[in-house]
Amino acid sequence: MSEAAPNVIRTAGVMHSAMWNVIGRLAPVAVTLLVIPPLIALLGTARWGIMTIALTLVGSFGIFDLGLGRALTRAIAEDIAHGREHESADLALTGMLTLGGLGVLAAFVSAGLTGLYVDHGLRISSGLRIETRDAIWILCATAPLVLVNAALWGVISAFHQFRAANLINIPINIFYYVGPLLALHLWNSLCAVMLALAACRFTMTIGYAAIALRVMPSLRRARAHFSLLAPLWKIGGWMTASNITYPILSYCDRFLIGAMVPAAAIAYYTTPLDVIGRFSIVTLAITGSAFPSFARSFRVDEANTRDIFTHSALTIAGILFPVCFATAMLSAPLLTLWLGAGFAAHGAMIASLLCCGVLLSGLDSLAAGLLDAIGRPDLNAKFSMVELVIYLPLLALQLHLFGLVGAATAWVLRCTLDCVLRMEIAGRCYTPVAPAVRRLRRLVFLVLVFFGAVFIPRDTLTALGLAATGISLFTLIFWGMVLDSRDRTQLASRIGVFLRR
């Protein structure tokens, strides 16, 4: 145990890496908020709605990952913990080549299904179908880059090189929205938008490859041995099942809405979801840093794993609640200011509900990451399969009965059950985190009680009062009932260090 201890990442290291992940994702948000209104003006509501659906296709490419990206991160992180990083180079190269090949397969399969989806899955005018089909084909061609980037990120995250990676991500993520805006001034077509996005993906691949070669110089001399993937297939197989079901769970609401409501109405759901989903920047930052740390320490230092899990969960909740609650209370005036009163009339309640779901989904993601890291991705996969069977009919029924608000309600309900049940599973499978799970039950209950305020009719002044009162009360309860004395001492110390700096 002591031999491996020096290679274990402690809580402070996880939070430092998480800070860089937050910076990498947060820096482009202001640019994004400024760029979206002129993008909608240039594209029109219908084409903007189609673009948001097309962008979800990038996320669905993860189905073809077969779990290898995350399994690769776990394997390399364990090798580093035991001082065997030089042995990981062949495995890393083999994983990159394999995922690149799977990306080519993903491109052909997705492109083959595009015509069917555009003709029969979207309610759009016949004149827009050719442009939409061509644009999605361009996006499909980026699938190999998406999966190779996933393999490269596995190497980068295993070595905790989040600072270097995010210094590359920041300008690329800014151009992810600025690029399409510039392209539309040259060629007013969805194809121009997708070409700009393809350029971003290619640039990211070059940057990630440079970092991977720097932190793992032995990659230059590595050789592909596909037999090395054999130990990963067992874990990767279950991660594959999760990779198939999770994107379906994450994106099926948008595809189902696209099939059941006019294209112009899709934007009332997808635009708030796209912006509010960016609050998960905090979640992705922390869980992305915690996962390789879990993989390094869960066998050799249970106390460290428990501390990382506990502090990560409390940090996610402590940061996200004020942001999500204030946005939920002020959704109508914020949407009015940003996109106009007409958009706010349709999207305000949807935005309020989605805020609650994003917060709970963050805690769920941490528990899912722990289960993957300790070698129990089978539980995540089985859980997601059962959930999919329940969620799809519920979503369709809610959408049919209550429209877009019903779809948002179904999404929040799914996030709530995900969070509660997966936390319980994590606590039973890895008992060192069981005390943290017991505290988090109270936290989830508090969140649900406070977010009941979204159903209170409110004008702008009332919304401001509710937001201020709710955040103040939650902070007092969080400090007194959720944090223990050790948490309070550490938090006060870190705040003091931050203020001095």
Protein backbone atom coordinates (compact mmCIF):
# COMPACT_ATOMS: atom_id res chain seq x y z
CA MET A 1 0.00 0.00 0.00
CA SER A 2 2.69 2.46 0.92
CA GLU A 3 4.55 1.69 -2.27
CA ALA A 4 1.67 2.93 -4.39
CA ALA A 5 0.73 5.83 -2.15
CA PRO A 6 3.04 8.45 -3.72
CA ASN A 7 1.24 8.00 -7.06
CA VAL A 8 -2.21 8.55 -5.57
CA ILE A 9 -3.88 11.90 -6.34
CA ARG A 10 -5.23 13.57 -3.21
CA THR A 11 -8.34 15.71 -2.88
CA ALA A 12 -6.40 18.95 -3.36
CA GLY A 13 -4.97 17.64 -6.63
CA VAL A 14 -8.43 16.62 -7.82
CA MET A 15 -9.82 20.07 -7.05
CA HIS A 16 -6.88 21.77 -8.80
CA SER A 17 -7.51 19.70 -11.92
CA ALA A 18 -11.24 20.36 -11.60
CA MET A 19 -10.53 24.10 -11.49
CA TRP A 20 -8.79 23.89 -14.86
CA ASN A 21 -11.65 21.83 -16.25
CA VAL A 22 -14.08 24.52 -15.08
CA ILE A 23 -11.98 27.26 -16.67
CA GLY A 24 -11.76 25.30 -19.91
CA ARG A 25 -15.52 24.96 -20.14
CA LEU A 26 -16.60 28.22 -18.54
CA ALA A 27 -14.40 30.60 -20.51
CA PRO A 28 -16.33 30.12 -23.79
CA VAL A 29 -19.78 30.44 -22.17
CA ALA A 30 -19.93 34.24 -22.30
CA VAL A 31 -19.00 34.13 -25.98
CA THR A 32 -21.62 31.47 -26.57
CA LEU A 33 -24.38 33.55 -24.98
CA LEU A 34 -23.46 36.49 -27.19
CA VAL A 35 -23.23 34.43 -30.37
CA ILE A 36 -26.44 32.36 -30.11
CA PRO A 37 -28.90 35.24 -30.80
CA PRO A 38 -27.23 36.28 -34.11
CA LEU A 39 -26.90 32.59 -35.01
CA ILE A 40 -30.64 32.14 -34.54
CA ALA A 41 -31.26 35.32 -36.55
CA LEU A 42 -29.13 34.07 -39.45
CA LEU A 43 -30.37 30.49 -39.42
CA GLY A 44 -34.00 31.06 -38.45
CA THR A 45 -35.76 29.19 -35.67
CA ALA A 46 -36.38 26.04 -37.73
CA ARG A 47 -32.79 25.65 -38.95
CA TRP A 48 -31.46 26.49 -35.47
CA GLY A 49 -33.65 23.73 -34.03
CA ILE A 50 -32.25 21.33 -36.64
CA MET A 51 -28.70 22.40 -35.78
CA THR A 52 -29.21 21.66 -32.07
CA ILE A 53 -30.44 18.18 -32.94
CA ALA A 54 -27.55 17.62 -35.34
CA LEU A 55 -25.08 18.56 -32.62
CA THR A 56 -26.46 15.81 -30.40
CA LEU A 57 -25.28 13.42 -33.09
CA VAL A 58 -21.72 14.13 -31.96
CA GLY A 59 -22.59 12.88 -28.49
CA SER A 60 -24.27 9.79 -29.90
CA PHE A 61 -20.97 8.79 -31.59
CA GLY A 62 -19.98 7.59 -28.11
CA ILE A 63 -22.12 4.51 -28.76
CA PHE A 64 -19.33 3.27 -31.03
CA ASP A 65 -16.72 3.74 -28.31
CA LEU A 66 -17.51 0.22 -26.99
CA GLY A 67 -16.42 1.40 -23.56
CA LEU A 68 -12.76 1.42 -24.54
CA GLY A 69 -12.15 5.13 -23.93
CA ARG A 70 -13.13 5.04 -20.26
CA ALA A 71 -11.63 1.57 -19.75
CA LEU A 72 -8.39 2.87 -21.23
CA THR A 73 -8.32 5.76 -18.76
CA ARG A 74 -8.89 3.37 -15.88
CA ALA A 75 -6.18 0.94 -17.02
CA ILE A 76 -3.56 3.66 -17.54
CA ALA A 77 -4.42 5.31 -14.21
CA GLU A 78 -3.97 1.99 -12.38
CA ASP A 79 -0.64 1.42 -14.12
CA ILE A 80 0.52 4.86 -13.02
CA ALA A 81 -0.57 4.16 -9.43
CA HIS A 82 1.66 1.08 -9.42
CA GLY A 83 4.58 2.73 -11.25
CA ARG A 84 4.01 0.96 -14.57
CA GLU A 85 3.27 3.93 -16.82
CA HIS A 86 5.96 2.88 -19.32
CA GLU A 87 3.97 -0.31 -19.96
CA SER A 88 0.89 1.67 -20.98
CA ALA A 89 2.24 3.12 -24.22
CA ASP A 90 1.46 0.07 -26.37
CA LEU A 91 -1.99 -0.14 -24.80
CA ALA A 92 -2.64 3.57 -25.43
CA LEU A 93 -1.61 3.35 -29.09
CA THR A 94 -3.69 0.21 -29.60
CA GLY A 95 -6.69 1.95 -28.05
CA MET A 96 -6.29 5.00 -30.29
CA LEU A 97 -6.10 2.90 -33.46
CA THR A 98 -9.06 0.79 -32.40
CA LEU A 99 -11.22 3.79 -31.57
CA GLY A 100 -10.20 5.47 -34.82
CA GLY A 101 -11.40 2.39 -36.72
CA LEU A 102 -14.63 2.35 -34.76
CA GLY A 103 -15.03 6.03 -35.63
CA VAL A 104 -14.89 5.21 -39.33
CA LEU A 105 -17.60 2.61 -38.74
CA ALA A 106 -19.63 5.18 -36.82
CA ALA A 107 -19.32 7.64 -39.71
CA PHE A 108 -20.66 5.18 -42.28
CA VAL A 109 -23.49 3.89 -40.09
CA SER A 110 -24.60 7.40 -39.08
CA ALA A 111 -24.40 8.67 -42.65
CA GLY A 112 -26.43 5.70 -43.86
CA LEU A 113 -29.20 6.43 -41.37
CA THR A 114 -29.23 10.17 -42.00
CA GLY A 115 -31.51 10.09 -45.03
CA LEU A 116 -34.07 7.95 -43.20
CA TYR A 117 -34.10 10.25 -40.19
CA VAL A 118 -34.30 13.49 -42.20
CA ASP A 119 -37.10 12.18 -44.44
CA HIS A 120 -39.19 10.47 -41.78
CA GLY A 121 -37.96 11.61 -38.36
CA LEU A 122 -38.07 15.39 -38.73
CA ARG A 123 -41.09 17.53 -39.44
CA ILE A 124 -39.41 19.98 -41.81
CA SER A 125 -40.23 21.41 -45.23
CA SER A 126 -39.11 19.49 -48.30
CA GLY A 127 -36.91 22.41 -49.37
CA LEU A 128 -34.91 22.16 -46.14
CA ARG A 129 -34.32 18.41 -46.31
CA ILE A 130 -31.46 18.42 -48.81
CA GLU A 131 -29.55 21.08 -46.88
CA THR A 132 -30.13 19.23 -43.59
CA ARG A 133 -29.04 15.89 -45.05
CA ASP A 134 -25.82 17.33 -46.50
CA ALA A 135 -24.99 19.14 -43.26
CA ILE A 136 -25.42 16.02 -41.14
CA TRP A 137 -23.27 14.02 -43.57
CA ILE A 138 -20.45 16.51 -42.99
CA LEU A 139 -20.87 16.09 -39.24
CA CYS A 140 -20.84 12.30 -39.61
CA ALA A 141 -17.40 12.54 -41.24
CA THR A 142 -16.00 13.86 -37.94
CA ALA A 143 -16.85 10.65 -36.05
CA PRO A 144 -13.29 9.22 -36.29
CA LEU A 145 -11.90 12.45 -34.82
CA VAL A 146 -14.41 12.36 -31.96
CA LEU A 147 -13.42 8.83 -30.95
CA VAL A 148 -9.67 9.36 -31.39
CA ASN A 149 -10.02 12.44 -29.19
CA ALA A 150 -11.72 10.25 -26.58
CA ALA A 151 -8.70 7.91 -26.57
CA LEU A 152 -6.27 10.82 -26.35
CA TRP A 153 -8.29 12.33 -23.51
CA GLY A 154 -7.98 8.98 -21.72
CA VAL A 155 -4.19 9.35 -21.74
CA ILE A 156 -4.32 13.03 -20.78
CA SER A 157 -6.73 12.52 -17.87
CA ALA A 158 -4.85 9.47 -16.55
CA PHE A 159 -1.79 11.72 -16.20
CA HIS A 160 -3.95 14.59 -14.82
CA GLN A 161 -2.78 16.95 -17.56
CA PHE A 162 -5.98 18.98 -17.38
CA ARG A 163 -4.27 22.37 -17.41
CA ALA A 164 -2.54 21.74 -20.74
CA ALA A 165 -5.65 20.20 -22.28
CA ASN A 166 -7.89 23.08 -21.27
CA LEU A 167 -5.49 25.68 -22.61
CA ILE A 168 -6.23 24.01 -25.96
CA ASN A 169 -9.95 23.55 -25.28
CA ILE A 170 -10.65 27.22 -24.49
CA PRO A 171 -9.96 28.75 -27.94
CA ILE A 172 -11.43 25.72 -29.72
CA ASN A 173 -14.67 25.83 -27.69
CA ILE A 174 -14.97 29.56 -28.36
CA PHE A 175 -14.58 28.96 -32.09
CA TYR A 176 -17.18 26.19 -31.82
CA TYR A 177 -19.81 28.94 -31.92
CA VAL A 178 -17.90 31.88 -33.41
CA GLY A 179 -16.77 29.71 -36.35
CA PRO A 180 -20.30 28.90 -37.54
CA LEU A 181 -21.28 32.57 -37.20
CA LEU A 182 -18.37 33.62 -39.41
CA ALA A 183 -19.03 30.78 -41.86
CA LEU A 184 -22.67 31.81 -42.25
CA HIS A 185 -21.60 35.25 -43.47
CA LEU A 186 -19.69 33.52 -46.27
CA TRP A 187 -22.25 30.81 -47.05
CA ASN A 188 -25.69 30.92 -45.47
CA SER A 189 -26.13 27.19 -45.11
CA LEU A 190 -26.11 24.52 -42.40
CA CYS A 191 -23.25 22.94 -44.38
CA ALA A 192 -21.06 25.95 -43.62
CA VAL A 193 -21.83 25.53 -39.93
CA MET A 194 -20.83 21.86 -39.97
CA LEU A 195 -17.60 22.55 -41.85
CA ALA A 196 -16.60 25.04 -39.14
CA LEU A 197 -17.35 22.44 -36.46
CA ALA A 198 -15.31 19.82 -38.34
CA ALA A 199 -12.33 22.20 -38.34
CA CYS A 200 -12.65 22.51 -34.55
CA ARG A 201 -12.58 18.73 -34.12
CA PHE A 202 -9.49 18.35 -36.29
CA THR A 203 -7.62 21.09 -34.41
CA MET A 204 -8.50 19.45 -31.11
CA THR A 205 -7.06 16.12 -32.30
CA ILE A 206 -3.74 17.77 -33.18
CA GLY A 207 -3.54 19.52 -29.81
CA TYR A 208 -4.44 16.45 -27.75
CA ALA A 209 -1.90 14.33 -29.65
CA ALA A 210 0.86 16.83 -28.83
CA ILE A 211 0.04 16.65 -25.10
CA ALA A 212 -0.14 12.84 -25.10
CA LEU A 213 3.28 12.58 -26.76
CA ARG A 214 4.74 14.98 -24.20
CA VAL A 215 3.46 13.18 -21.10
CA MET A 216 4.03 9.70 -22.56
CA PRO A 217 7.18 9.94 -24.73
CA SER A 218 7.21 6.16 -25.10
CA LEU A 219 4.23 6.54 -27.45
CA ARG A 220 6.72 7.40 -30.18
CA ARG A 221 8.19 3.90 -29.90
CA ALA A 222 4.93 2.10 -29.11
CA ARG A 223 3.59 -0.78 -31.17
CA ALA A 224 -0.01 -1.84 -31.56
CA HIS A 225 -0.83 -5.21 -30.00
CA PHE A 226 -4.54 -5.79 -30.13
CA SER A 227 -4.25 -8.66 -27.66
CA LEU A 228 -3.60 -5.98 -25.02
CA LEU A 229 -7.24 -4.95 -25.28
CA ALA A 230 -8.45 -8.35 -24.07
CA PRO A 231 -8.43 -7.42 -20.34
CA LEU A 232 -10.38 -4.27 -21.16
CA TRP A 233 -13.19 -6.01 -23.01
CA LYS A 234 -14.85 -7.34 -19.86
CA ILE A 235 -15.03 -3.90 -18.28
CA GLY A 236 -15.36 -2.21 -21.65
CA GLY A 237 -18.22 -4.51 -22.62
CA TRP A 238 -20.35 -3.28 -19.74
CA MET A 239 -19.24 0.27 -20.43
CA THR A 240 -20.37 -0.32 -24.00
CA ALA A 241 -23.84 -1.12 -22.75
CA SER A 242 -23.76 2.11 -20.73
CA ASN A 243 -22.41 3.99 -23.75
CA ILE A 244 -25.33 2.74 -25.81
CA THR A 245 -28.05 3.44 -23.26
CA TYR A 246 -26.69 6.67 -21.76
CA PRO A 247 -26.68 8.70 -25.02
CA ILE A 248 -30.17 7.38 -25.75
CA LEU A 249 -31.32 8.50 -22.30
CA SER A 250 -29.56 11.84 -22.71
CA TYR A 251 -30.69 12.69 -26.23
CA CYS A 252 -33.91 10.77 -26.87
CA ASP A 253 -35.99 13.66 -25.55
CA ARG A 254 -34.71 15.93 -28.33
CA PHE A 255 -35.15 13.33 -31.06
CA LEU A 256 -38.63 12.44 -29.83
CA ILE A 257 -39.59 16.12 -29.66
CA GLY A 258 -38.26 16.54 -33.20
CA ALA A 259 -40.57 13.77 -34.34
CA MET A 260 -43.68 14.90 -32.42
CA VAL A 261 -43.66 18.72 -32.61
CA PRO A 262 -42.92 21.21 -35.41
CA ALA A 263 -39.25 22.06 -35.95
CA ALA A 264 -39.80 25.69 -34.94
CA ALA A 265 -40.96 24.58 -31.47
CA ILE A 266 -37.92 22.36 -30.85
CA ALA A 267 -35.84 25.43 -30.02
CA TYR A 268 -38.06 26.27 -27.02
CA TYR A 269 -36.79 23.08 -25.38
CA THR A 270 -33.30 22.57 -26.83
CA THR A 271 -32.06 26.16 -26.40
CA PRO A 272 -32.68 26.30 -22.60
CA LEU A 273 -31.35 22.74 -22.32
CA ASP A 274 -28.20 23.66 -24.23
CA VAL A 275 -27.49 26.70 -22.04
CA ILE A 276 -28.55 25.19 -18.70
CA GLY A 277 -26.72 22.01 -19.59
CA ARG A 278 -23.58 24.12 -19.51
CA PHE A 279 -24.01 24.40 -15.75
CA SER A 280 -22.79 20.80 -15.77
CA ILE A 281 -19.41 22.34 -16.54
CA VAL A 282 -18.84 22.04 -12.79
CA THR A 283 -19.95 18.41 -12.79
CA LEU A 284 -17.83 17.42 -15.77
CA ALA A 285 -14.85 19.27 -14.35
CA ILE A 286 -15.00 17.52 -11.00
CA THR A 287 -16.05 14.05 -12.16
CA GLY A 288 -13.54 14.16 -15.01
CA SER A 289 -10.78 14.79 -12.51
CA ALA A 290 -12.16 12.41 -9.85
CA PHE A 291 -12.52 9.35 -12.11
CA PRO A 292 -8.80 8.68 -12.76
CA SER A 293 -8.14 9.51 -9.10
CA PHE A 294 -10.69 6.91 -8.00
CA ALA A 295 -9.02 4.39 -10.31
CA ARG A 296 -5.61 5.15 -8.81
CA SER A 297 -6.59 4.97 -5.14
CA PHE A 298 -9.61 2.72 -4.57
CA ARG A 299 -7.46 -0.37 -3.96
CA VAL A 300 -4.53 1.22 -2.16
CA ASP A 301 -6.12 4.06 -0.15
CA GLU A 302 -9.80 3.72 0.74
CA ALA A 303 -9.74 6.78 2.99
CA ASN A 304 -8.48 8.94 0.14
CA THR A 305 -11.15 7.58 -2.20
CA ARG A 306 -13.82 8.34 0.40
CA ASP A 307 -12.54 11.89 0.84
CA ILE A 308 -12.44 12.52 -2.91
CA PHE A 309 -16.01 11.22 -3.31
CA THR A 310 -17.37 13.21 -0.36
CA HIS A 311 -15.72 16.50 -1.18
CA SER A 312 -16.50 16.18 -4.88
CA ALA A 313 -20.21 15.65 -4.15
CA LEU A 314 -20.39 18.52 -1.68
CA THR A 315 -18.51 20.81 -4.06
CA ILE A 316 -20.87 19.99 -6.93
CA ALA A 317 -23.92 20.73 -4.78
CA GLY A 318 -22.43 23.81 -3.11
CA ILE A 319 -21.52 25.44 -6.42
CA LEU A 320 -24.45 24.35 -8.57
CA PHE A 321 -27.37 25.01 -6.22
CA PRO A 322 -27.08 28.83 -6.10
CA VAL A 323 -26.56 29.03 -9.87
CA CYS A 324 -29.35 26.59 -10.76
CA PHE A 325 -31.85 27.94 -8.23
CA ALA A 326 -31.33 31.58 -9.19
CA THR A 327 -31.67 30.71 -12.88
CA ALA A 328 -34.83 28.69 -12.21
CA MET A 329 -36.47 31.56 -10.30
CA LEU A 330 -35.42 34.17 -12.89
CA SER A 331 -35.89 32.07 -16.03
CA ALA A 332 -38.64 34.28 -17.49
CA PRO A 333 -36.87 37.66 -17.20
CA LEU A 334 -33.54 36.14 -18.26
CA LEU A 335 -35.03 34.55 -21.39
CA THR A 336 -36.93 37.75 -22.15
CA LEU A 337 -33.73 39.78 -21.93
CA TRP A 338 -31.80 37.28 -24.03
CA LEU A 339 -34.23 36.05 -26.70
CA GLY A 340 -37.41 38.08 -26.27
CA ALA A 341 -40.76 37.82 -24.51
CA GLY A 342 -42.20 35.37 -27.05
CA PHE A 343 -39.42 32.87 -26.47
CA ALA A 344 -39.67 33.31 -22.70
CA ALA A 345 -43.41 32.61 -22.75
CA HIS A 346 -42.74 29.17 -24.20
CA GLY A 347 -39.41 28.31 -22.56
CA ALA A 348 -39.41 29.75 -19.02
CA MET A 349 -41.03 26.83 -17.17
CA ILE A 350 -38.98 24.36 -19.21
CA ALA A 351 -35.78 26.17 -18.18
CA SER A 352 -36.81 26.19 -14.51
CA LEU A 353 -37.42 22.44 -14.45
CA LEU A 354 -34.21 21.65 -16.30
CA CYS A 355 -32.19 23.55 -13.69
CA CYS A 356 -33.25 21.07 -11.01
CA GLY A 357 -32.40 18.11 -13.24
CA VAL A 358 -28.91 19.40 -14.07
CA LEU A 359 -28.02 19.68 -10.37
CA LEU A 360 -29.19 16.16 -9.50
CA SER A 361 -27.62 14.74 -12.63
CA GLY A 362 -24.26 16.05 -11.41
CA LEU A 363 -24.39 13.99 -8.23
CA ASP A 364 -25.51 10.98 -10.24
CA SER A 365 -22.53 11.32 -12.58
CA LEU A 366 -20.12 11.21 -9.65
CA ALA A 367 -21.63 7.96 -8.36
CA ALA A 368 -21.55 6.46 -11.86
CA GLY A 369 -17.88 7.41 -12.19
CA LEU A 370 -17.04 5.72 -8.89
CA LEU A 371 -18.76 2.48 -9.96
CA ASP A 372 -16.82 2.49 -13.24
CA ALA A 373 -13.54 3.20 -11.46
CA ILE A 374 -13.88 0.34 -8.96
CA GLY A 375 -14.58 -2.10 -11.77
CA ARG A 376 -18.38 -2.34 -11.53
CA PRO A 377 -19.57 -0.77 -14.79
CA ASP A 378 -21.97 -3.70 -15.06
CA LEU A 379 -24.14 -2.06 -12.42
CA ASN A 380 -24.27 1.20 -14.36
CA ALA A 381 -25.20 -0.67 -17.52
CA LYS A 382 -27.93 -2.77 -15.92
CA PHE A 383 -29.35 0.28 -14.17
CA SER A 384 -29.46 2.27 -17.43
CA MET A 385 -31.11 -0.59 -19.33
CA VAL A 386 -33.93 -0.86 -16.80
CA GLU A 387 -34.26 2.91 -16.73
CA LEU A 388 -34.50 3.10 -20.52
CA VAL A 389 -37.43 0.70 -20.58
CA ILE A 390 -39.28 2.90 -18.08
CA TYR A 391 -38.22 6.34 -19.30
CA LEU A 392 -39.04 6.15 -23.01
CA PRO A 393 -42.77 5.37 -22.55
CA LEU A 394 -42.99 7.95 -19.76
CA LEU A 395 -41.35 10.59 -21.95
CA ALA A 396 -43.65 9.86 -24.89
CA LEU A 397 -46.73 9.98 -22.65
CA GLN A 398 -45.69 13.23 -20.95
CA LEU A 399 -44.87 14.83 -24.29
CA HIS A 400 -48.24 13.77 -25.71
CA LEU A 401 -50.25 14.97 -22.71
CA PHE A 402 -48.39 18.09 -21.60
CA GLY A 403 -46.14 19.06 -24.50
CA LEU A 404 -42.64 20.39 -23.94
CA VAL A 405 -43.23 21.04 -20.23
CA GLY A 406 -44.22 17.40 -19.87
CA ALA A 407 -40.97 16.31 -21.54
CA ALA A 408 -38.98 18.51 -19.14
CA THR A 409 -40.86 17.05 -16.16
CA ALA A 410 -40.09 13.50 -17.29
CA TRP A 411 -36.41 14.43 -17.66
CA VAL A 412 -36.25 15.86 -14.12
CA LEU A 413 -37.96 12.78 -12.70
CA ARG A 414 -35.41 10.55 -14.42
CA CYS A 415 -32.50 12.62 -13.07
CA THR A 416 -33.93 12.44 -9.55
CA LEU A 417 -34.31 8.65 -9.56
CA ASP A 418 -30.87 8.30 -11.16
CA CYS A 419 -29.27 10.31 -8.40
CA VAL A 420 -31.00 8.64 -5.46
CA LEU A 421 -30.73 5.04 -6.63
CA ARG A 422 -27.21 5.17 -8.04
CA MET A 423 -25.88 6.81 -4.88
CA GLU A 424 -27.39 3.95 -2.87
CA ILE A 425 -25.82 1.39 -5.19
CA ALA A 426 -22.41 3.07 -4.88
CA GLY A 427 -22.64 3.08 -1.09
CA ARG A 428 -23.47 -0.64 -0.98
CA CYS A 429 -20.78 -1.68 -3.47
CA TYR A 430 -17.99 0.44 -2.01
CA THR A 431 -18.72 0.74 1.69
CA PRO A 432 -16.11 3.43 2.48
CA VAL A 433 -18.41 5.98 0.80
CA ALA A 434 -21.57 4.80 2.62
CA PRO A 435 -21.39 7.61 5.26
CA ALA A 436 -21.22 10.19 2.49
CA VAL A 437 -24.24 8.66 0.76
CA ARG A 438 -26.26 8.98 3.97
CA ARG A 439 -25.48 12.68 4.13
CA LEU A 440 -26.30 13.15 0.46
CA ARG A 441 -29.80 11.75 0.97
CA ARG A 442 -30.59 14.82 3.07
CA LEU A 443 -29.06 17.01 0.40
CA VAL A 444 -31.22 15.59 -2.40
CA PHE A 445 -34.36 16.02 -0.27
CA LEU A 446 -33.44 19.67 0.35
CA VAL A 447 -32.91 20.31 -3.35
CA LEU A 448 -36.33 18.90 -4.25
CA VAL A 449 -38.08 20.91 -1.52
CA PHE A 450 -36.46 24.18 -2.60
CA PHE A 451 -37.10 23.63 -6.31
CA GLY A 452 -40.81 23.25 -5.57
CA ALA A 453 -40.76 27.05 -5.73
CA VAL A 454 -40.62 26.91 -9.56
CA PHE A 455 -44.40 26.33 -9.53
CA ILE A 456 -45.08 29.58 -7.65
CA PRO A 457 -46.43 32.32 -9.99
CA ARG A 458 -43.99 35.22 -9.86
CA ASP A 459 -43.11 38.53 -11.42
CA THR A 460 -39.51 39.73 -11.62
CA LEU A 461 -39.48 41.29 -8.14
CA THR A 462 -40.99 38.20 -6.53
CA ALA A 463 -38.53 35.99 -8.42
CA LEU A 464 -35.59 38.01 -7.07
CA GLY A 465 -36.94 37.68 -3.53
CA LEU A 466 -37.45 33.94 -3.86
CA ALA A 467 -33.98 33.47 -5.31
CA ALA A 468 -32.28 35.44 -2.52
CA THR A 469 -34.31 33.80 0.24
CA GLY A 470 -33.90 30.29 -1.12
CA ILE A 471 -30.13 30.56 -1.60
CA SER A 472 -29.68 32.04 1.89
CA LEU A 473 -31.75 29.34 3.60
CA PHE A 474 -30.10 26.57 1.63
CA THR A 475 -26.63 27.87 2.55
CA LEU A 476 -27.50 27.89 6.26
CA ILE A 477 -28.96 24.37 6.15
CA PHE A 478 -26.13 23.07 3.99
CA TRP A 479 -23.55 24.46 6.42
CA GLY A 480 -25.32 23.20 9.55
CA MET A 481 -26.86 19.86 8.53
CA VAL A 482 -24.92 18.53 5.53
CA LEU A 483 -21.32 19.54 6.28
CA ASP A 484 -19.59 18.06 9.32
CA SER A 485 -17.02 19.86 11.48
CA ARG A 486 -14.09 18.61 9.39
CA ASP A 487 -15.75 19.82 6.17
CA ARG A 488 -16.39 23.25 7.69
CA THR A 489 -12.80 23.61 8.86
CA GLN A 490 -11.38 22.60 5.47
CA LEU A 491 -13.81 24.84 3.58
CA ALA A 492 -13.03 27.85 5.77
CA SER A 493 -9.30 27.21 5.30
CA ARG A 494 -9.62 27.00 1.50
CA ILE A 495 -11.74 30.15 1.36
CA GLY A 496 -9.11 31.92 3.44
CA VAL A 497 -6.32 30.79 1.13
CA PHE A 498 -8.34 31.88 -1.90
CA LEU A 499 -9.02 35.33 -0.44
CA ARG A 500 -5.36 35.82 0.49
CA ARG A 501 -4.29 34.92 -3.03
